[in-house]
PDB file of all heavy atoms in Angstrom:
ATOM      1  N   ALA A   1       0.864  -1.192  -0.003  1.00  0.00           N
ATOM      2  CA  ALA A   1      -0.002   0.043   0.044  1.00  0.00           C
ATOM      3  C   ALA A   1       0.881   1.254   0.013  1.00  0.00           C
ATOM      4  O   ALA A   1       0.471   2.252  -0.773  1.00  0.00           O
ATOM      5  CB  ALA A   1      -0.867   0.019   1.189  1.00  0.00           C
ATOM      6  N   GLY A   2       1.954   1.239   0.720  1.00  0.00           N
ATOM      7  CA  GLY A   2       2.937   2.339   0.712  1.00  0.00           C
ATOM      8  C   GLY A   2       3.496   2.570  -0.660  1.00  0.00           C
ATOM      9  O   GLY A   2       3.666   3.729  -1.142  1.00  0.00           O
ATOM     10  N   PHE A   3       3.820   1.518  -1.333  1.00  0.00           N
ATOM     11  CA  PHE A   3       4.398   1.609  -2.701  1.00  0.00           C
ATOM     12  C   PHE A   3       3.310   2.256  -3.620  1.00  0.00           C
ATOM     13  O   PHE A   3       3.610   3.099  -4.443  1.00  0.00           O
ATOM     14  CB  PHE A   3       4.808   0.234  -3.205  1.00  0.00           C
ATOM     15  CG  PHE A   3       5.398   0.157  -4.522  1.00  0.00           C
ATOM     16  CD1 PHE A   3       6.753   0.474  -4.818  1.00  0.00           C
ATOM     17  CD2 PHE A   3       4.602  -0.115  -5.680  1.00  0.00           C
ATOM     18  CE1 PHE A   3       7.210   0.437  -6.018  1.00  0.00           C
ATOM     19  CE2 PHE A   3       5.148  -0.246  -6.952  1.00  0.00           C
ATOM     20  CZ  PHE A   3       6.545   0.089  -7.113  1.00  0.00           C
ATOM     21  N   GLU A   4       2.122   1.704  -3.487  1.00  0.00           N
ATOM     22  CA  GLU A   4       1.014   2.297  -4.248  1.00  0.00           C
ATOM     23  C   GLU A   4       0.781   3.783  -3.958  1.00  0.00           C
ATOM     24  O   GLU A   4       0.461   4.528  -4.925  1.00  0.00           O
ATOM     25  CB  GLU A   4      -0.276   1.536  -3.991  1.00  0.00           C
ATOM     26  CG  GLU A   4      -0.273   0.112  -4.701  1.00  0.00           C
ATOM     27  CD  GLU A   4      -0.319   0.156  -6.137  1.00  0.00           C
ATOM     28  OE1 GLU A   4      -1.181   0.858  -6.722  1.00  0.00           O
ATOM     29  OE2 GLU A   4       0.531  -0.475  -6.740  1.00  0.00           O
ATOM     30  N   ARG A   5       0.828   4.118  -2.751  1.00  0.00           N
ATOM     31  CA  ARG A   5       0.667   5.608  -2.365  1.00  0.00           C
ATOM     32  C   ARG A   5       1.747   6.433  -3.062  1.00  0.00           C
ATOM     33  O   ARG A   5       1.498   7.522  -3.601  1.00  0.00           O
ATOM     34  CB  ARG A   5       0.735   5.813  -0.924  1.00  0.00           C
ATOM     35  CG  ARG A   5      -0.564   5.612  -0.189  1.00  0.00           C
ATOM     36  CD  ARG A   5      -0.574   6.066   1.300  1.00  0.00           C
ATOM     37  NE  ARG A   5       0.511   5.466   2.098  1.00  0.00           N
ATOM     38  CZ  ARG A   5       0.396   4.223   2.734  1.00  0.00           C
ATOM     39  NH1 ARG A   5      -0.671   3.541   2.477  1.00  0.00           N
ATOM     40  NH2 ARG A   5       1.416   3.842   3.432  1.00  0.00           N
ATOM     41  N   SER A   6       2.970   5.938  -2.985  1.00  0.00           N
ATOM     42  CA  SER A   6       4.053   6.717  -3.629  1.00  0.00           C
ATOM     43  C   SER A   6       3.891   6.710  -5.126  1.00  0.00           C
ATOM     44  O   SER A   6       4.235   7.737  -5.742  1.00  0.00           O
ATOM     45  CB  SER A   6       5.452   5.933  -3.329  1.00  0.00           C
ATOM     46  OG  SER A   6       5.728   6.071  -1.947  1.00  0.00           O
ATOM     47  N   LEU A   7       3.344   5.689  -5.728  1.00  0.00           N
ATOM     48  CA  LEU A   7       3.070   5.624  -7.149  1.00  0.00           C
ATOM     49  C   LEU A   7       1.999   6.632  -7.447  1.00  0.00           C
ATOM     50  O   LEU A   7       2.202   7.485  -8.435  1.00  0.00           O
ATOM     51  CB  LEU A   7       2.671   4.205  -7.615  1.00  0.00           C
ATOM     52  CG  LEU A   7       2.611   3.954  -9.069  1.00  0.00           C
ATOM     53  CD1 LEU A   7       3.960   4.079  -9.751  1.00  0.00           C
ATOM     54  CD2 LEU A   7       2.179   2.454  -9.192  1.00  0.00           C
ATOM     55  N   ARG A   8       0.937   6.672  -6.709  1.00  0.00           N
ATOM     56  CA  ARG A   8      -0.168   7.629  -6.923  1.00  0.00           C
ATOM     57  C   ARG A   8       0.247   9.098  -6.759  1.00  0.00           C
ATOM     58  O   ARG A   8      -0.135   9.976  -7.500  1.00  0.00           O
ATOM     59  CB  ARG A   8      -1.291   7.383  -6.015  1.00  0.00           C
ATOM     60  CG  ARG A   8      -2.592   7.796  -6.351  1.00  0.00           C
ATOM     61  CD  ARG A   8      -3.820   7.403  -5.445  1.00  0.00           C
ATOM     62  NE  ARG A   8      -3.677   5.976  -5.002  1.00  0.00           N
ATOM     63  CZ  ARG A   8      -3.440   5.545  -3.819  1.00  0.00           C
ATOM     64  NH1 ARG A   8      -3.114   6.319  -2.858  1.00  0.00           N
ATOM     65  NH2 ARG A   8      -3.460   4.233  -3.626  1.00  0.00           N
ATOM     66  N   ALA A   9       1.206   9.318  -5.778  1.00  0.00           N
ATOM     67  CA  ALA A   9       1.705  10.696  -5.518  1.00  0.00           C
ATOM     68  C   ALA A   9       2.811  11.105  -6.476  1.00  0.00           C
ATOM     69  O   ALA A   9       3.276  12.235  -6.250  1.00  0.00           O
ATOM     70  CB  ALA A   9       2.119  10.794  -4.019  1.00  0.00           C
ATOM     71  N   ASP A  10       3.175  10.211  -7.323  1.00  0.00           N
ATOM     72  CA  ASP A  10       4.335  10.455  -8.182  1.00  0.00           C
ATOM     73  C   ASP A  10       5.573  10.872  -7.393  1.00  0.00           C
ATOM     74  O   ASP A  10       6.188  11.919  -7.633  1.00  0.00           O
ATOM     75  CB  ASP A  10       3.931  11.616  -9.215  1.00  0.00           C
ATOM     76  CG  ASP A  10       4.980  11.646 -10.334  1.00  0.00           C
ATOM     77  OD1 ASP A  10       5.593  10.613 -10.664  1.00  0.00           O
ATOM     78  OD2 ASP A  10       5.117  12.670 -11.011  1.00  0.00           O
ATOM     79  N   ASP A  11       5.897  10.020  -6.369  1.00  0.00           N
ATOM     80  CA  ASP A  11       6.973  10.219  -5.443  1.00  0.00           C
ATOM     81  C   ASP A  11       8.093   9.236  -5.725  1.00  0.00           C
ATOM     82  O   ASP A  11       8.123   8.195  -5.102  1.00  0.00           O
ATOM     83  CB  ASP A  11       6.383  10.032  -3.991  1.00  0.00           C
ATOM     84  CG  ASP A  11       7.426  10.099  -2.961  1.00  0.00           C
ATOM     85  OD1 ASP A  11       8.588  10.592  -3.268  1.00  0.00           O
ATOM     86  OD2 ASP A  11       7.170   9.776  -1.735  1.00  0.00           O
ATOM     87  N   PRO A  12       9.023   9.668  -6.540  1.00  0.00           N
ATOM     88  CA  PRO A  12      10.122   8.692  -6.889  1.00  0.00           C
ATOM     89  C   PRO A  12      10.965   8.361  -5.679  1.00  0.00           C
ATOM     90  O   PRO A  12      11.451   7.147  -5.645  1.00  0.00           O
ATOM     91  CB  PRO A  12      10.871   9.476  -7.978  1.00  0.00           C
ATOM     92  CG  PRO A  12      10.560  10.879  -7.896  1.00  0.00           C
ATOM     93  CD  PRO A  12       9.190  10.956  -7.270  1.00  0.00           C
ATOM     94  N   ASN A  13      11.188   9.248  -4.737  1.00  0.00           N
ATOM     95  CA  ASN A  13      11.942   8.925  -3.524  1.00  0.00           C
ATOM     96  C   ASN A  13      11.258   7.786  -2.735  1.00  0.00           C
ATOM     97  O   ASN A  13      11.878   6.771  -2.305  1.00  0.00           O
ATOM     98  CB  ASN A  13      12.188  10.150  -2.730  1.00  0.00           C
ATOM     99  CG  ASN A  13      13.131   9.783  -1.577  1.00  0.00           C
ATOM    100  OD1 ASN A  13      14.244   9.274  -1.742  1.00  0.00           O
ATOM    101  ND2 ASN A  13      12.779  10.182  -0.299  1.00  0.00           N
ATOM    102  N   GLY A  14       9.931   7.936  -2.553  1.00  0.00           N
ATOM    103  CA  GLY A  14       9.155   6.908  -1.890  1.00  0.00           C
ATOM    104  C   GLY A  14       9.163   5.570  -2.526  1.00  0.00           C
ATOM    105  O   GLY A  14       9.314   4.545  -1.914  1.00  0.00           O
ATOM    106  N   LEU A  15       9.119   5.572  -3.839  1.00  0.00           N
ATOM    107  CA  LEU A  15       9.065   4.353  -4.675  1.00  0.00           C
ATOM    108  C   LEU A  15      10.531   3.701  -4.496  1.00  0.00           C
ATOM    109  O   LEU A  15      10.530   2.468  -4.260  1.00  0.00           O
ATOM    110  CB  LEU A  15       8.837   4.659  -6.101  1.00  0.00           C
ATOM    111  CG  LEU A  15       7.421   5.057  -6.450  1.00  0.00           C
ATOM    112  CD1 LEU A  15       7.311   5.626  -7.926  1.00  0.00           C
ATOM    113  CD2 LEU A  15       6.452   3.840  -6.343  1.00  0.00           C
ATOM    114  N   CYS A  16      11.559   4.463  -4.630  1.00  0.00           N
ATOM    115  CA  CYS A  16      12.908   3.890  -4.525  1.00  0.00           C
ATOM    116  C   CYS A  16      13.145   3.346  -3.132  1.00  0.00           C
ATOM    117  O   CYS A  16      13.769   2.282  -2.965  1.00  0.00           O
ATOM    118  CB  CYS A  16      13.920   4.979  -4.878  1.00  0.00           C
ATOM    119  SG  CYS A  16      13.918   5.317  -6.667  1.00  0.00           S
ATOM    120  N   THR A  17      12.652   3.981  -2.087  1.00  0.00           N
ATOM    121  CA  THR A  17      12.804   3.492  -0.728  1.00  0.00           C
ATOM    122  C   THR A  17      12.065   2.204  -0.575  1.00  0.00           C
ATOM    123  O   THR A  17      12.620   1.323   0.206  1.00  0.00           O
ATOM    124  CB  THR A  17      12.317   4.524   0.234  1.00  0.00           C
ATOM    125  OG1 THR A  17      13.069   5.738   0.083  1.00  0.00           O
ATOM    126  CG2 THR A  17      12.371   4.018   1.689  1.00  0.00           C
ATOM    127  N   ALA A  18      10.989   1.991  -1.248  1.00  0.00           N
ATOM    128  CA  ALA A  18      10.195   0.732  -1.119  1.00  0.00           C
ATOM    129  C   ALA A  18      10.766  -0.423  -1.932  1.00  0.00           C
ATOM    130  O   ALA A  18      10.376  -1.573  -1.695  1.00  0.00           O
ATOM    131  CB  ALA A  18       8.750   0.989  -1.628  1.00  0.00           C
ATOM    132  N   LEU A  19      11.758  -0.143  -2.815  1.00  0.00           N
ATOM    133  CA  LEU A  19      12.347  -1.321  -3.588  1.00  0.00           C
ATOM    134  C   LEU A  19      13.393  -2.115  -2.844  1.00  0.00           C
ATOM    135  O   LEU A  19      14.114  -1.604  -2.022  1.00  0.00           O
ATOM    136  CB  LEU A  19      13.015  -0.693  -4.838  1.00  0.00           C
ATOM    137  CG  LEU A  19      12.127  -0.010  -5.838  1.00  0.00           C
ATOM    138  CD1 LEU A  19      12.927   0.491  -6.994  1.00  0.00           C
ATOM    139  CD2 LEU A  19      11.046  -0.975  -6.356  1.00  0.00           C
ATOM    140  N   ALA A  20      13.454  -3.370  -3.156  1.00  0.00           N
ATOM    141  CA  ALA A  20      14.473  -4.295  -2.564  1.00  0.00           C
ATOM    142  C   ALA A  20      15.800  -3.784  -3.193  1.00  0.00           C
ATOM    143  O   ALA A  20      15.854  -3.266  -4.241  1.00  0.00           O
ATOM    144  CB  ALA A  20      14.213  -5.670  -2.968  1.00  0.00           C
ATOM    145  N   PRO A  21      16.858  -3.962  -2.427  1.00  0.00           N
ATOM    146  CA  PRO A  21      18.179  -3.456  -2.833  1.00  0.00           C
ATOM    147  C   PRO A  21      18.561  -3.923  -4.276  1.00  0.00           C
ATOM    148  O   PRO A  21      19.072  -3.156  -5.073  1.00  0.00           O
ATOM    149  CB  PRO A  21      19.169  -4.021  -1.855  1.00  0.00           C
ATOM    150  CG  PRO A  21      18.329  -4.211  -0.629  1.00  0.00           C
ATOM    151  CD  PRO A  21      16.960  -4.547  -1.088  1.00  0.00           C
ATOM    152  N   GLU A  22      18.383  -5.207  -4.527  1.00  0.00           N
ATOM    153  CA  GLU A  22      18.797  -5.758  -5.907  1.00  0.00           C
ATOM    154  C   GLU A  22      17.885  -5.161  -7.027  1.00  0.00           C
ATOM    155  O   GLU A  22      18.379  -4.901  -8.078  1.00  0.00           O
ATOM    156  CB  GLU A  22      18.662  -7.277  -5.825  1.00  0.00           C
ATOM    157  CG  GLU A  22      19.397  -7.907  -7.107  1.00  0.00           C
ATOM    158  CD  GLU A  22      19.532  -9.415  -6.942  1.00  0.00           C
ATOM    159  OE1 GLU A  22      19.906  -9.825  -5.918  1.00  0.00           O
ATOM    160  OE2 GLU A  22      19.297 -10.060  -7.948  1.00  0.00           O
ATOM    161  N   THR A  23      16.606  -5.030  -6.676  1.00  0.00           N
ATOM    162  CA  THR A  23      15.716  -4.415  -7.742  1.00  0.00           C
ATOM    163  C   THR A  23      16.061  -3.007  -8.000  1.00  0.00           C
ATOM    164  O   THR A  23      16.177  -2.568  -9.190  1.00  0.00           O
ATOM    165  CB  THR A  23      14.316  -4.462  -7.217  1.00  0.00           C
ATOM    166  OG1 THR A  23      13.960  -5.797  -6.895  1.00  0.00           O
ATOM    167  CG2 THR A  23      13.322  -3.907  -8.249  1.00  0.00           C
ATOM    168  N   ARG A  24      16.419  -2.169  -6.960  1.00  0.00           N
ATOM    169  CA  ARG A  24      16.842  -0.770  -7.055  1.00  0.00           C
ATOM    170  C   ARG A  24      18.134  -0.841  -7.896  1.00  0.00           C
ATOM    171  O   ARG A  24      18.282  -0.015  -8.842  1.00  0.00           O
ATOM    172  CB  ARG A  24      17.047  -0.229  -5.758  1.00  0.00           C
ATOM    173  CG  ARG A  24      17.478   1.241  -5.839  1.00  0.00           C
ATOM    174  CD  ARG A  24      17.623   1.855  -4.473  1.00  0.00           C
ATOM    175  NE  ARG A  24      18.011   3.294  -4.510  1.00  0.00           N
ATOM    176  CZ  ARG A  24      17.645   4.224  -3.848  1.00  0.00           C
ATOM    177  NH1 ARG A  24      16.749   3.996  -2.864  1.00  0.00           N
ATOM    178  NH2 ARG A  24      18.090   5.464  -3.945  1.00  0.00           N
ATOM    179  N   SER A  25      19.165  -1.638  -7.555  1.00  0.00           N
ATOM    180  CA  SER A  25      20.390  -1.638  -8.236  1.00  0.00           C
ATOM    181  C   SER A  25      20.240  -1.983  -9.716  1.00  0.00           C
ATOM    182  O   SER A  25      20.887  -1.369 -10.549  1.00  0.00           O
ATOM    183  CB  SER A  25      21.302  -2.740  -7.530  1.00  0.00           C
ATOM    184  OG  SER A  25      22.537  -2.832  -8.156  1.00  0.00           O
ATOM    185  N   GLU A  26      19.414  -3.030 -10.034  1.00  0.00           N
ATOM    186  CA  GLU A  26      19.248  -3.436 -11.376  1.00  0.00           C
ATOM    187  C   GLU A  26      18.559  -2.285 -12.252  1.00  0.00           C
ATOM    188  O   GLU A  26      18.908  -2.055 -13.340  1.00  0.00           O
ATOM    189  CB  GLU A  26      18.418  -4.720 -11.492  1.00  0.00           C
ATOM    190  CG  GLU A  26      18.360  -5.262 -12.849  1.00  0.00           C
ATOM    191  CD  GLU A  26      18.020  -6.686 -13.001  1.00  0.00           C
ATOM    192  OE1 GLU A  26      18.621  -7.469 -12.181  1.00  0.00           O
ATOM    193  OE2 GLU A  26      17.122  -7.013 -13.804  1.00  0.00           O
ATOM    194  N   LEU A  27      17.604  -1.637 -11.605  1.00  0.00           N
ATOM    195  CA  LEU A  27      16.938  -0.461 -12.327  1.00  0.00           C
ATOM    196  C   LEU A  27      17.935   0.670 -12.609  1.00  0.00           C
ATOM    197  O   LEU A  27      18.007   1.075 -13.785  1.00  0.00           O
ATOM    198  CB  LEU A  27      15.834   0.044 -11.393  1.00  0.00           C
ATOM    199  CG  LEU A  27      15.150   1.415 -11.905  1.00  0.00           C
ATOM    200  CD1 LEU A  27      14.459   1.120 -13.183  1.00  0.00           C
ATOM    201  CD2 LEU A  27      14.241   1.887 -10.801  1.00  0.00           C
ATOM    202  N   GLU A  28      18.801   0.963 -11.642  1.00  0.00           N
ATOM    203  CA  GLU A  28      19.761   2.024 -11.860  1.00  0.00           C
ATOM    204  C   GLU A  28      20.801   1.653 -13.000  1.00  0.00           C
ATOM    205  O   GLU A  28      21.102   2.406 -13.797  1.00  0.00           O
ATOM    206  CB  GLU A  28      20.496   2.343 -10.506  1.00  0.00           C
ATOM    207  CG  GLU A  28      19.605   2.948  -9.615  1.00  0.00           C
ATOM    208  CD  GLU A  28      20.339   3.169  -8.113  1.00  0.00           C
ATOM    209  OE1 GLU A  28      21.205   2.393  -7.835  1.00  0.00           O
ATOM    210  OE2 GLU A  28      19.914   4.125  -7.501  1.00  0.00           O
ATOM    211  N   GLU A  29      21.178   0.393 -12.931  1.00  0.00           N
ATOM    212  CA  GLU A  29      22.106  -0.121 -13.888  1.00  0.00           C
ATOM    213  C   GLU A  29      21.553  -0.186 -15.319  1.00  0.00           C
ATOM    214  O   GLU A  29      22.183   0.249 -16.245  1.00  0.00           O
ATOM    215  CB  GLU A  29      22.656  -1.537 -13.510  1.00  0.00           C
ATOM    216  CG  GLU A  29      23.784  -2.031 -14.355  1.00  0.00           C
ATOM    217  CD  GLU A  29      24.336  -3.403 -13.833  1.00  0.00           C
ATOM    218  OE1 GLU A  29      24.559  -3.514 -12.650  1.00  0.00           O
ATOM    219  OE2 GLU A  29      24.471  -4.278 -14.707  1.00  0.00           O
ATOM    220  N   SER A  30      20.313  -0.686 -15.444  1.00  0.00           N
ATOM    221  CA  SER A  30      19.736  -0.786 -16.782  1.00  0.00           C
ATOM    222  C   SER A  30      19.430   0.560 -17.360  1.00  0.00           C
ATOM    223  O   SER A  30      19.494   0.699 -18.612  1.00  0.00           O
ATOM    224  CB  SER A  30      18.448  -1.716 -16.712  1.00  0.00           C
ATOM    225  OG  SER A  30      17.442  -1.127 -15.952  1.00  0.00           O
ATOM    226  N   GLU A  31      19.093   1.534 -16.488  1.00  0.00           N
ATOM    227  CA  GLU A  31      18.716   2.836 -17.038  1.00  0.00           C
ATOM    228  C   GLU A  31      19.813   3.785 -16.985  1.00  0.00           C
ATOM    229  O   GLU A  31      19.672   4.940 -17.413  1.00  0.00           O
ATOM    230  CB  GLU A  31      17.463   3.402 -16.172  1.00  0.00           C
ATOM    231  CG  GLU A  31      16.158   2.662 -16.301  1.00  0.00           C
ATOM    232  CD  GLU A  31      15.556   2.645 -17.733  1.00  0.00           C
ATOM    233  OE1 GLU A  31      15.660   3.714 -18.391  1.00  0.00           O
ATOM    234  OE2 GLU A  31      15.078   1.656 -18.095  1.00  0.00           O
ATOM    235  N   LYS A  32      20.931   3.371 -16.429  1.00  0.00           N
ATOM    236  CA  LYS A  32      22.157   4.262 -16.327  1.00  0.00           C
ATOM    237  C   LYS A  32      21.801   5.608 -15.703  1.00  0.00           C
ATOM    238  O   LYS A  32      22.129   6.697 -16.178  1.00  0.00           O
ATOM    239  CB  LYS A  32      22.827   4.532 -17.715  1.00  0.00           C
ATOM    240  CG  LYS A  32      23.102   3.218 -18.366  1.00  0.00           C
ATOM    241  CD  LYS A  32      24.323   2.548 -17.843  1.00  0.00           C
ATOM    242  CE  LYS A  32      24.823   1.415 -18.706  1.00  0.00           C
ATOM    243  NZ  LYS A  32      24.544   0.119 -18.330  1.00  0.00           N
ATOM    244  N   ALA A  33      21.045   5.565 -14.632  1.00  0.00           N
ATOM    245  CA  ALA A  33      20.562   6.747 -13.879  1.00  0.00           C
ATOM    246  C   ALA A  33      20.244   6.436 -12.464  1.00  0.00           C
ATOM    247  O   ALA A  33      20.192   5.238 -12.097  1.00  0.00           O
ATOM    248  CB  ALA A  33      19.354   7.260 -14.590  1.00  0.00           C
ATOM    249  N   SER A  34      20.145   7.498 -11.611  1.00  0.00           N
ATOM    250  CA  SER A  34      19.758   7.210 -10.227  1.00  0.00           C
ATOM    251  C   SER A  34      18.384   6.609 -10.226  1.00  0.00           C
ATOM    252  O   SER A  34      17.604   6.749 -11.172  1.00  0.00           O
ATOM    253  CB  SER A  34      19.792   8.594  -9.425  1.00  0.00           C
ATOM    254  OG  SER A  34      18.756   9.345  -9.921  1.00  0.00           O
ATOM    255  N   CYS A  35      18.073   5.962  -9.085  1.00  0.00           N
ATOM    256  CA  CYS A  35      16.781   5.364  -8.989  1.00  0.00           C
ATOM    257  C   CYS A  35      15.671   6.346  -9.172  1.00  0.00           C
ATOM    258  O   CYS A  35      14.653   6.052  -9.923  1.00  0.00           O
ATOM    259  CB  CYS A  35      16.646   4.646  -7.620  1.00  0.00           C
ATOM    260  SG  CYS A  35      15.115   3.742  -7.378  1.00  0.00           S
ATOM    261  N   GLU A  36      15.782   7.445  -8.557  1.00  0.00           N
ATOM    262  CA  GLU A  36      14.744   8.476  -8.653  1.00  0.00           C
ATOM    263  C   GLU A  36      14.446   8.956 -10.094  1.00  0.00           C
ATOM    264  O   GLU A  36      13.279   9.172 -10.447  1.00  0.00           O
ATOM    265  CB  GLU A  36      15.096   9.658  -7.751  1.00  0.00           C
ATOM    266  CG  GLU A  36      14.990   9.417  -6.260  1.00  0.00           C
ATOM    267  CD  GLU A  36      16.189   8.651  -5.657  1.00  0.00           C
ATOM    268  OE1 GLU A  36      17.170   8.377  -6.425  1.00  0.00           O
ATOM    269  OE2 GLU A  36      16.095   8.214  -4.553  1.00  0.00           O
ATOM    270  N   LYS A  37      15.511   9.041 -10.854  1.00  0.00           N
ATOM    271  CA  LYS A  37      15.299   9.350 -12.317  1.00  0.00           C
ATOM    272  C   LYS A  37      14.808   8.172 -13.159  1.00  0.00           C
ATOM    273  O   LYS A  37      13.885   8.325 -13.984  1.00  0.00           O
ATOM    274  CB  LYS A  37      16.522   9.925 -12.921  1.00  0.00           C
ATOM    275  CG  LYS A  37      16.941  11.298 -12.360  1.00  0.00           C
ATOM    276  CD  LYS A  37      18.164  11.872 -13.128  1.00  0.00           C
ATOM    277  CE  LYS A  37      18.441  13.223 -12.464  1.00  0.00           C
ATOM    278  NZ  LYS A  37      19.685  13.793 -12.973  1.00  0.00           N
ATOM    279  N   ALA A  38      15.381   6.997 -12.783  1.00  0.00           N
ATOM    280  CA  ALA A  38      15.054   5.733 -13.616  1.00  0.00           C
ATOM    281  C   ALA A  38      13.728   5.358 -13.379  1.00  0.00           C
ATOM    282  O   ALA A  38      13.042   4.831 -14.302  1.00  0.00           O
ATOM    283  CB  ALA A  38      16.087   4.717 -13.209  1.00  0.00           C
ATOM    284  N   ILE A  39      13.097   5.509 -12.136  1.00  0.00           N
ATOM    285  CA  ILE A  39      11.790   5.015 -11.871  1.00  0.00           C
ATOM    286  C   ILE A  39      10.772   5.741 -12.632  1.00  0.00           C
ATOM    287  O   ILE A  39       9.675   5.164 -12.907  1.00  0.00           O
ATOM    288  CB  ILE A  39      11.488   4.996 -10.322  1.00  0.00           C
ATOM    289  CG1 ILE A  39      10.260   4.139  -9.898  1.00  0.00           C
ATOM    290  CG2 ILE A  39      11.190   6.426  -9.795  1.00  0.00           C
ATOM    291  CD1 ILE A  39      10.725   2.709  -9.650  1.00  0.00           C
ATOM    292  N   ALA A  40      11.063   6.985 -12.977  1.00  0.00           N
ATOM    293  CA  ALA A  40      10.132   7.777 -13.743  1.00  0.00           C
ATOM    294  C   ALA A  40       9.858   7.244 -15.135  1.00  0.00           C
ATOM    295  O   ALA A  40       8.801   7.436 -15.800  1.00  0.00           O
ATOM    296  CB  ALA A  40      10.641   9.163 -13.847  1.00  0.00           C
ATOM    297  N   SER A  41      10.826   6.489 -15.704  1.00  0.00           N
ATOM    298  CA  SER A  41      10.737   5.912 -17.017  1.00  0.00           C
ATOM    299  C   SER A  41       9.937   4.538 -17.038  1.00  0.00           C
ATOM    300  O   SER A  41       9.649   4.091 -18.135  1.00  0.00           O
ATOM    301  CB  SER A  41      12.114   5.750 -17.632  1.00  0.00           C
ATOM    302  OG  SER A  41      12.806   4.702 -17.071  1.00  0.00           O
ATOM    303  N   GLN A  42       9.655   4.076 -15.868  1.00  0.00           N
ATOM    304  CA  GLN A  42       8.954   2.811 -15.828  1.00  0.00           C
ATOM    305  C   GLN A  42       7.481   3.009 -15.912  1.00  0.00           C
ATOM    306  O   GLN A  42       6.884   3.990 -15.321  1.00  0.00           O
ATOM    307  CB  GLN A  42       9.268   2.098 -14.489  1.00  0.00           C
ATOM    308  CG  GLN A  42      10.764   1.871 -14.273  1.00  0.00           C
ATOM    309  CD  GLN A  42      11.413   1.120 -15.449  1.00  0.00           C
ATOM    310  OE1 GLN A  42      11.065  -0.039 -15.673  1.00  0.00           O
ATOM    311  NE2 GLN A  42      12.411   1.710 -16.035  1.00  0.00           N
ATOM    312  N   GLU A  43       6.764   2.159 -16.584  1.00  0.00           N
ATOM    313  CA  GLU A  43       5.352   2.220 -16.763  1.00  0.00           C
ATOM    314  C   GLU A  43       4.716   1.304 -15.793  1.00  0.00           C
ATOM    315  O   GLU A  43       4.132   0.189 -16.158  1.00  0.00           O
ATOM    316  CB  GLU A  43       4.910   2.025 -18.185  1.00  0.00           C
ATOM    317  CG  GLU A  43       5.373   3.109 -19.122  1.00  0.00           C
ATOM    318  CD  GLU A  43       4.879   2.892 -20.523  1.00  0.00           C
ATOM    319  OE1 GLU A  43       3.898   2.146 -20.741  1.00  0.00           O
ATOM    320  OE2 GLU A  43       5.595   3.485 -21.418  1.00  0.00           O
ATOM    321  N   ILE A  44       4.670   1.652 -14.520  1.00  0.00           N
ATOM    322  CA  ILE A  44       4.080   0.832 -13.492  1.00  0.00           C
ATOM    323  C   ILE A  44       2.590   1.224 -13.268  1.00  0.00           C
ATOM    324  O   ILE A  44       2.361   2.304 -13.004  1.00  0.00           O
ATOM    325  CB  ILE A  44       4.842   0.832 -12.212  1.00  0.00           C
ATOM    326  CG1 ILE A  44       6.334   0.485 -12.392  1.00  0.00           C
ATOM    327  CG2 ILE A  44       4.257  -0.008 -11.089  1.00  0.00           C
ATOM    328  CD1 ILE A  44       7.234   0.925 -11.324  1.00  0.00           C
TER     329      ILE A  44
END
């Protein structure tokens, strides 16, 4: 529910905080950007 609230509020910091470390790391690596920037490009 916290992840969903962050998604609804367009809160990239909240979304990144909710991610498992390996998921966050893989997102940053695949997008070549910080989690906060990379999460914005995801269509969740």
